[in-house]
PDB file of N, CA and C in Angstrom:
ATOM      1  N   MET A   1      44.610  30.555 -96.334  1.00  0.00           N
ATOM      2  CA  MET A   1      43.140  30.359 -96.790  1.00  0.00           C
ATOM      3  C   MET A   1      43.024  30.183 -95.184  1.00  0.00           C
ATOM      4  N   ARG A   2      43.399  30.000 -94.254  1.00  0.00           N
ATOM      5  CA  ARG A   2      42.849  29.696 -92.825  1.00  0.00           C
ATOM      6  C   ARG A   2      42.853  31.118 -92.356  1.00  0.00           C
ATOM      7  N   ASN A   3      43.413  32.119 -92.814  1.00  0.00           N
ATOM      8  CA  ASN A   3      43.286  33.511 -92.039  1.00  0.00           C
ATOM      9  C   ASN A   3      42.053  33.851 -92.715  1.00  0.00           C
ATOM     10  N   ASN A   4      41.773  33.578 -93.756  1.00  0.00           N
ATOM     11  CA  ASN A   4      40.579  34.334 -94.549  1.00  0.00           C
ATOM     12  C   ASN A   4      39.440  33.683 -94.031  1.00  0.00           C
ATOM     13  N   ALA A   5      39.522  32.452 -93.714  1.00  0.00           N
ATOM     14  CA  ALA A   5      38.311  31.680 -93.308  1.00  0.00           C
ATOM     15  C   ALA A   5      38.022  32.163 -91.744  1.00  0.00           C
ATOM     16  N   THR A   6      39.047  32.369 -90.901  1.00  0.00           N
ATOM     17  CA  THR A   6      38.840  32.965 -89.739  1.00  0.00           C
ATOM     18  C   THR A   6      38.324  34.439 -89.550  1.00  0.00           C
ATOM     19  N   ILE A   7      38.788  35.074 -90.696  1.00  0.00           N
ATOM     20  CA  ILE A   7      38.504  36.565 -90.711  1.00  0.00           C
ATOM     21  C   ILE A   7      36.798  36.323 -91.157  1.00  0.00           C
ATOM     22  N   LEU A   8      36.478  35.656 -91.935  1.00  0.00           N
ATOM     23  CA  LEU A   8      34.983  35.644 -92.404  1.00  0.00           C
ATOM     24  C   LEU A   8      34.048  34.884 -91.106  1.00  0.00           C
ATOM     25  N   PHE A   9      34.854  33.893 -90.416  1.00  0.00           N
ATOM     26  CA  PHE A   9      33.880  33.555 -89.321  1.00  0.00           C
ATOM     27  C   PHE A   9      33.666  34.504 -88.263  1.00  0.00           C
ATOM     28  N   CYS A  10      34.757  34.934 -88.211  1.00  0.00           N
ATOM     29  CA  CYS A  10      34.422  36.348 -86.873  1.00  0.00           C
ATOM     30  C   CYS A  10      33.427  37.458 -87.307  1.00  0.00           C
ATOM     31  N   GLU A  11      33.618  37.456 -88.938  1.00  0.00           N
ATOM     32  CA  GLU A  11      32.587  38.716 -89.432  1.00  0.00           C
ATOM     33  C   GLU A  11      31.456  38.248 -89.261  1.00  0.00           C
ATOM     34  N   GLU A  12      31.142  37.055 -89.772  1.00  0.00           N
ATOM     35  CA  GLU A  12      29.716  36.513 -90.317  1.00  0.00           C
ATOM     36  C   GLU A  12      29.073  35.928 -89.192  1.00  0.00           C
ATOM     37  N   ARG A  13      29.813  35.427 -88.022  1.00  0.00           N
ATOM     38  CA  ARG A  13      29.121  34.592 -86.949  1.00  0.00           C
ATOM     39  C   ARG A  13      28.151  33.825 -87.115  1.00  0.00           C
ATOM     40  N   PRO A  14      28.256  32.799 -88.246  1.00  0.00           N
ATOM     41  CA  PRO A  14      27.410  31.808 -88.131  1.00  0.00           C
ATOM     42  C   PRO A  14      26.614  30.972 -87.247  1.00  0.00           C
ATOM     43  N   LEU A  15      25.342  30.685 -87.217  1.00  0.00           N
ATOM     44  CA  LEU A  15      24.560  30.117 -86.386  1.00  0.00           C
ATOM     45  C   LEU A  15      25.041  28.601 -86.208  1.00  0.00           C
ATOM     46  N   VAL A  16      25.288  28.092 -87.319  1.00  0.00           N
ATOM     47  CA  VAL A  16      25.695  26.794 -87.488  1.00  0.00           C
ATOM     48  C   VAL A  16      26.803  26.584 -88.247  1.00  0.00           C
ATOM     49  N   LEU A  17      28.034  26.299 -87.604  1.00  0.00           N
ATOM     50  CA  LEU A  17      29.102  26.116 -88.590  1.00  0.00           C
ATOM     51  C   LEU A  17      29.527  24.513 -88.790  1.00  0.00           C
ATOM     52  N   VAL A  18      29.315  24.186 -89.976  1.00  0.00           N
ATOM     53  CA  VAL A  18      29.780  22.667 -90.444  1.00  0.00           C
ATOM     54  C   VAL A  18      31.272  22.502 -90.841  1.00  0.00           C
ATOM     55  N   ALA A  19      31.626  21.824 -89.844  1.00  0.00           N
ATOM     56  CA  ALA A  19      33.167  21.466 -90.262  1.00  0.00           C
ATOM     57  C   ALA A  19      33.278  20.128 -90.564  1.00  0.00           C
ATOM     58  N   SER A  20      34.455  19.957 -91.273  1.00  0.00           N
ATOM     59  CA  SER A  20      34.956  18.622 -91.414  1.00  0.00           C
ATOM     60  C   SER A  20      36.364  18.266 -91.625  1.00  0.00           C
ATOM     61  N   VAL A  21      36.762  16.981 -91.559  1.00  0.00           N
ATOM     62  CA  VAL A  21      38.423  16.731 -91.780  1.00  0.00           C
ATOM     63  C   VAL A  21      38.459  16.830 -93.472  1.00  0.00           C
ATOM     64  N   MET A  22      39.775  16.614 -93.840  1.00  0.00           N
ATOM     65  CA  MET A  22      39.937  16.451 -95.031  1.00  0.00           C
ATOM     66  C   MET A  22      39.728  14.897 -95.643  1.00  0.00           C
ATOM     67  N   CYS A  23      38.822  14.737 -95.994  1.00  0.00           N
ATOM     68  CA  CYS A  23      38.238  13.494 -96.664  1.00  0.00           C
ATOM     69  C   CYS A  23      39.538  12.452 -97.187  1.00  0.00           C
ATOM     70  N   THR A  24      40.099  13.089 -98.112  1.00  0.00           N
ATOM     71  CA  THR A  24      41.349  12.271 -98.694  1.00  0.00           C
ATOM     72  C   THR A  24      42.281  11.660 -98.159  1.00  0.00           C
ATOM     73  N   GLN A  25      42.903  12.182 -96.642  1.00  0.00           N
ATOM     74  CA  GLN A  25      43.753  11.746 -95.700  1.00  0.00           C
ATOM     75  C   GLN A  25      43.029  10.886 -94.904  1.00  0.00           C
ATOM     76  N   PHE A  26      41.798  11.075 -94.132  1.00  0.00           N
ATOM     77  CA  PHE A  26      41.175  10.410 -93.165  1.00  0.00           C
ATOM     78  C   PHE A  26      40.119   9.362 -93.853  1.00  0.00           C
ATOM     79  N   SER A  27      40.300   8.644 -95.140  1.00  0.00           N
ATOM     80  CA  SER A  27      39.122   8.154 -95.520  1.00  0.00           C
ATOM     81  C   SER A  27      39.657   6.697 -95.561  1.00  0.00           C
ATOM     82  N   GLN A  28      38.839   5.802 -95.459  1.00  0.00           N
ATOM     83  CA  GLN A  28      39.310   4.059 -95.567  1.00  0.00           C
ATOM     84  C   GLN A  28      40.415   3.932 -96.677  1.00  0.00           C
ATOM     85  N   ILE A  29      40.082   4.916 -97.905  1.00  0.00           N
ATOM     86  CA  ILE A  29      40.695   4.408 -98.947  1.00  0.00           C
ATOM     87  C   ILE A  29      42.172   4.829 -98.983  1.00  0.00           C
ATOM     88  N   MET A  30      41.888   5.930 -98.036  1.00  0.00           N
ATOM     89  CA  MET A  30      44.022   6.085 -97.739  1.00  0.00           C
ATOM     90  C   MET A  30      44.355   5.155 -97.068  1.00  0.00           C
ATOM     91  N   ARG A  31      43.714   4.744 -96.131  1.00  0.00           N
ATOM     92  CA  ARG A  31      44.044   3.506 -95.311  1.00  0.00           C
ATOM     93  C   ARG A  31      44.785   2.428 -96.137  1.00  0.00           C
ATOM     94  N   LEU A  32      43.825   2.235 -96.978  1.00  0.00           N
ATOM     95  CA  LEU A  32      44.108   0.913 -97.954  1.00  0.00           C
ATOM     96  C   LEU A  32      45.639   1.361 -98.767  1.00  0.00           C
ATOM     97  N   HIS A  33      45.895   2.548 -99.215  1.00  0.00           N
ATOM     98  CA  HIS A  33      46.902   3.124 -99.945  1.00  0.00           C
ATOM     99  C   HIS A  33      47.898   3.329 -98.990  1.00  0.00           C
ATOM    100  N   LYS A  34      47.981   3.303 -97.760  1.00  0.00           N
ATOM    101  CA  LYS A  34      49.053   3.824 -97.116  1.00  0.00           C
ATOM    102  C   LYS A  34      50.546   2.887 -97.424  1.00  0.00           C
ATOM    103  N   GLY A  35      50.551   1.771 -97.572  1.00  0.00           N
ATOM    104  CA  GLY A  35      51.800   1.003 -97.761  1.00  0.00           C
ATOM    105  C   GLY A  35      52.184   1.343 -98.984  1.00  0.00           C
ATOM    106  N   LYS A  36      51.504   1.871-100.262  1.00  0.00           N
ATOM    107  CA  LYS A  36      51.784   1.932-101.412  1.00  0.00           C
ATOM    108  C   LYS A  36      52.556   3.421-101.518  1.00  0.00           C
ATOM    109  N   LEU A  37      52.085   4.184-100.772  1.00  0.00           N
ATOM    110  CA  LEU A  37      52.589   5.428-100.860  1.00  0.00           C
ATOM    111  C   LEU A  37      54.125   5.460-100.258  1.00  0.00           C
ATOM    112  N   ASP A  38      54.773   6.468-100.718  1.00  0.00           N
ATOM    113  CA  ASP A  38      56.002   6.792-100.084  1.00  0.00           C
ATOM    114  C   ASP A  38      56.078   7.214 -98.942  1.00  0.00           C
ATOM    115  N   GLU A  39      56.663   6.856 -97.761  1.00  0.00           N
ATOM    116  CA  GLU A  39      56.557   6.971 -96.319  1.00  0.00           C
ATOM    117  C   GLU A  39      56.624   8.440 -95.953  1.00  0.00           C
ATOM    118  N   VAL A  40      57.463   9.536 -96.893  1.00  0.00           N
ATOM    119  CA  VAL A  40      57.780  10.914 -96.729  1.00  0.00           C
ATOM    120  C   VAL A  40      56.430  11.696 -97.199  1.00  0.00           C
ATOM    121  N   LYS A  41      56.181  11.066 -98.301  1.00  0.00           N
ATOM    122  CA  LYS A  41      55.253  11.686 -98.996  1.00  0.00           C
ATOM    123  C   LYS A  41      53.712  11.375 -98.229  1.00  0.00           C
ATOM    124  N   TYR A  42      53.346  10.355 -97.394  1.00  0.00           N
ATOM    125  CA  TYR A  42      52.340   9.994 -96.430  1.00  0.00           C
ATOM    126  C   TYR A  42      52.319  10.846 -95.147  1.00  0.00           C
ATOM    127  N   ALA A  43      53.688  10.902 -94.781  1.00  0.00           N
ATOM    128  CA  ALA A  43      53.933  11.729 -93.535  1.00  0.00           C
ATOM    129  C   ALA A  43      53.371  13.008 -93.898  1.00  0.00           C
ATOM    130  N   ALA A  44      54.020  13.773 -95.056  1.00  0.00           N
ATOM    131  CA  ALA A  44      53.541  15.221 -95.341  1.00  0.00           C
ATOM    132  C   ALA A  44      51.854  15.307 -95.440  1.00  0.00           C
ATOM    133  N   LEU A  45      51.247  14.251 -95.965  1.00  0.00           N
ATOM    134  CA  LEU A  45      50.020  14.633 -96.224  1.00  0.00           C
ATOM    135  C   LEU A  45      49.273  14.454 -94.905  1.00  0.00           C
ATOM    136  N   MET A  46      49.531  13.625 -94.194  1.00  0.00           N
ATOM    137  CA  MET A  46      49.021  13.519 -92.558  1.00  0.00           C
ATOM    138  C   MET A  46      49.281  14.928 -91.661  1.00  0.00           C
ATOM    139  N   HIS A  47      50.516  15.261 -92.247  1.00  0.00           N
ATOM    140  CA  HIS A  47      50.810  16.520 -91.270  1.00  0.00           C
ATOM    141  C   HIS A  47      49.858  17.694 -91.669  1.00  0.00           C
ATOM    142  N   GLU A  48      49.810  17.693 -93.077  1.00  0.00           N
ATOM    143  CA  GLU A  48      48.577  18.930 -93.554  1.00  0.00           C
ATOM    144  C   GLU A  48      47.335  18.376 -93.223  1.00  0.00           C
ATOM    145  N   ALA A  49      46.791  17.121 -93.113  1.00  0.00           N
ATOM    146  CA  ALA A  49      45.552  16.956 -92.493  1.00  0.00           C
ATOM    147  C   ALA A  49      45.526  17.358 -91.036  1.00  0.00           C
ATOM    148  N   MET A  50      46.658  16.829 -90.276  1.00  0.00           N
ATOM    149  CA  MET A  50      46.322  17.168 -89.127  1.00  0.00           C
ATOM    150  C   MET A  50      46.162  18.815 -88.623  1.00  0.00           C
ATOM    151  N   VAL A  51      46.993  19.665 -89.213  1.00  0.00           N
ATOM    152  CA  VAL A  51      47.061  20.876 -89.309  1.00  0.00           C
ATOM    153  C   VAL A  51      45.519  21.393 -89.487  1.00  0.00           C
ATOM    154  N   HIS A  52      45.078  20.813 -90.772  1.00  0.00           N
ATOM    155  CA  HIS A  52      43.788  21.337 -90.928  1.00  0.00           C
ATOM    156  C   HIS A  52      42.823  20.658 -89.587  1.00  0.00           C
ATOM    157  N   PHE A  53      42.836  19.881 -89.318  1.00  0.00           N
ATOM    158  CA  PHE A  53      41.884  19.185 -88.160  1.00  0.00           C
ATOM    159  C   PHE A  53      42.232  20.082 -86.981  1.00  0.00           C
ATOM    160  N   ARG A  54      43.143  20.263 -86.733  1.00  0.00           N
ATOM    161  CA  ARG A  54      43.474  21.263 -85.581  1.00  0.00           C
ATOM    162  C   ARG A  54      42.668  22.688 -85.706  1.00  0.00           C
ATOM    163  N   PHE A  55      42.886  23.110 -87.001  1.00  0.00           N
ATOM    164  CA  PHE A  55      42.212  24.441 -86.890  1.00  0.00           C
ATOM    165  C   PHE A  55      40.411  24.409 -87.269  1.00  0.00           C
ATOM    166  N   VAL A  56      40.021  23.363 -87.590  1.00  0.00           N
ATOM    167  CA  VAL A  56      38.514  22.988 -87.573  1.00  0.00           C
ATOM    168  C   VAL A  56      38.244  23.013 -86.266  1.00  0.00           C
ATOM    169  N   CYS A  57      38.937  22.244 -85.359  1.00  0.00           N
ATOM    170  CA  CYS A  57      38.455  22.110 -83.796  1.00  0.00           C
ATOM    171  C   CYS A  57      38.703  23.379 -82.986  1.00  0.00           C
ATOM    172  N   GLN A  58      39.524  24.605 -83.585  1.00  0.00           N
ATOM    173  CA  GLN A  58      39.633  25.532 -83.091  1.00  0.00           C
ATOM    174  C   GLN A  58      38.511  26.484 -83.329  1.00  0.00           C
ATOM    175  N   LEU A  59      37.965  26.376 -84.694  1.00  0.00           N
ATOM    176  CA  LEU A  59      37.014  27.391 -84.972  1.00  0.00           C
ATOM    177  C   LEU A  59      35.758  26.464 -83.881  1.00  0.00           C
ATOM    178  N   CYS A  60      35.691  25.215 -84.223  1.00  0.00           N
ATOM    179  CA  CYS A  60      34.179  24.675 -83.200  1.00  0.00           C
ATOM    180  C   CYS A  60      34.119  25.185 -81.744  1.00  0.00           C
ATOM    181  N   LYS A  61      35.333  25.184 -81.252  1.00  0.00           N
ATOM    182  CA  LYS A  61      35.821  25.701 -80.011  1.00  0.00           C
ATOM    183  C   LYS A  61      34.951  27.333 -79.731  1.00  0.00           C
ATOM    184  N   MET A  62      35.595  27.891 -80.635  1.00  0.00           N
ATOM    185  CA  MET A  62      35.045  29.250 -80.857  1.00  0.00           C
ATOM    186  C   MET A  62      33.712  29.549 -81.039  1.00  0.00           C
ATOM    187  N   GLN A  63      33.204  28.697 -81.840  1.00  0.00           N
ATOM    188  CA  GLN A  63      31.738  28.629 -82.096  1.00  0.00           C
ATOM    189  C   GLN A  63      31.036  28.130 -80.732  1.00  0.00           C
ATOM    190  N   ALA A  64      31.382  27.179 -80.225  1.00  0.00           N
ATOM    191  CA  ALA A  64      30.610  27.086 -78.874  1.00  0.00           C
ATOM    192  C   ALA A  64      30.979  27.785 -78.123  1.00  0.00           C
ATOM    193  N   SER A  65      31.716  28.515 -77.579  1.00  0.00           N
ATOM    194  CA  SER A  65      32.286  29.301 -76.326  1.00  0.00           C
ATOM    195  C   SER A  65      31.264  30.580 -76.808  1.00  0.00           C
ATOM    196  N   GLU A  66      30.515  30.829 -77.905  1.00  0.00           N
ATOM    197  CA  GLU A  66      29.805  31.893 -78.347  1.00  0.00           C
ATOM    198  C   GLU A  66      28.310  31.741 -78.167  1.00  0.00           C
ATOM    199  N   GLY A  67      28.497  30.158 -77.603  1.00  0.00           N
ATOM    200  CA  GLY A  67      26.682  29.343 -77.639  1.00  0.00           C
ATOM    201  C   GLY A  67      26.239  29.402 -78.729  1.00  0.00           C
ATOM    202  N   ARG A  68      27.028  29.006 -80.042  1.00  0.00           N
ATOM    203  CA  ARG A  68      26.239  28.971 -81.464  1.00  0.00           C
ATOM    204  C   ARG A  68      26.701  27.483 -81.686  1.00  0.00           C
ATOM    205  N   PHE A  69      26.197  27.143 -82.475  1.00  0.00           N
ATOM    206  CA  PHE A  69      26.359  25.600 -82.812  1.00  0.00           C
ATOM    207  C   PHE A  69      27.088  25.183 -83.972  1.00  0.00           C
ATOM    208  N   TYR A  70      27.665  23.780 -83.691  1.00  0.00           N
ATOM    209  CA  TYR A  70      28.706  23.181 -85.158  1.00  0.00           C
ATOM    210  C   TYR A  70      28.356  21.806 -85.118  1.00  0.00           C
ATOM    211  N   LEU A  71      28.238  21.295 -86.428  1.00  0.00           N
ATOM    212  CA  LEU A  71      28.486  20.188 -86.934  1.00  0.00           C
ATOM    213  C   LEU A  71      29.828  19.527 -87.382  1.00  0.00           C
ATOM    214  N   HIS A  72      30.269  18.627 -86.850  1.00  0.00           N
ATOM    215  CA  HIS A  72      31.320  18.139 -86.962  1.00  0.00           C
ATOM    216  C   HIS A  72      31.193  16.837 -88.364  1.00  0.00           C
ATOM    217  N   GLU A  73      31.501  16.915 -89.667  1.00  0.00           N
ATOM    218  CA  GLU A  73      31.374  15.426 -90.240  1.00  0.00           C
ATOM    219  C   GLU A  73      32.669  14.963 -90.455  1.00  0.00           C
ATOM    220  N   HIS A  74      32.256  13.762 -90.155  1.00  0.00           N
ATOM    221  CA  HIS A  74      33.433  12.660 -90.548  1.00  0.00           C
ATOM    222  C   HIS A  74      33.322  11.886 -91.585  1.00  0.00           C
ATOM    223  N   PRO A  75      34.049  11.750 -92.931  1.00  0.00           N
ATOM    224  CA  PRO A  75      33.542  10.463 -93.799  1.00  0.00           C
ATOM    225  C   PRO A  75      34.105   9.382 -93.350  1.00  0.00           C
ATOM    226  N   THR A  76      33.770   8.338 -93.829  1.00  0.00           N
ATOM    227  CA  THR A  76      34.182   6.945 -93.693  1.00  0.00           C
ATOM    228  C   THR A  76      34.559   6.118 -94.502  1.00  0.00           C
TER     229      THR A  76
END
């Protein structure tokens, strides 16, 4: 899906990009449940979330380098 998103991003060249981290892994509720989850499962979820976060940051950098705007939303 990241490849498709990158292709669409390059083709459409949006004036404003709205980017967000994965809400489930970075939410306050997830922090409360951290101790209740299996350590391996929690690590896998966080790895997936960080891969997504790096991808979103890459798109934001590309957006800014072309003089366009981005909004990076972070859930609380």
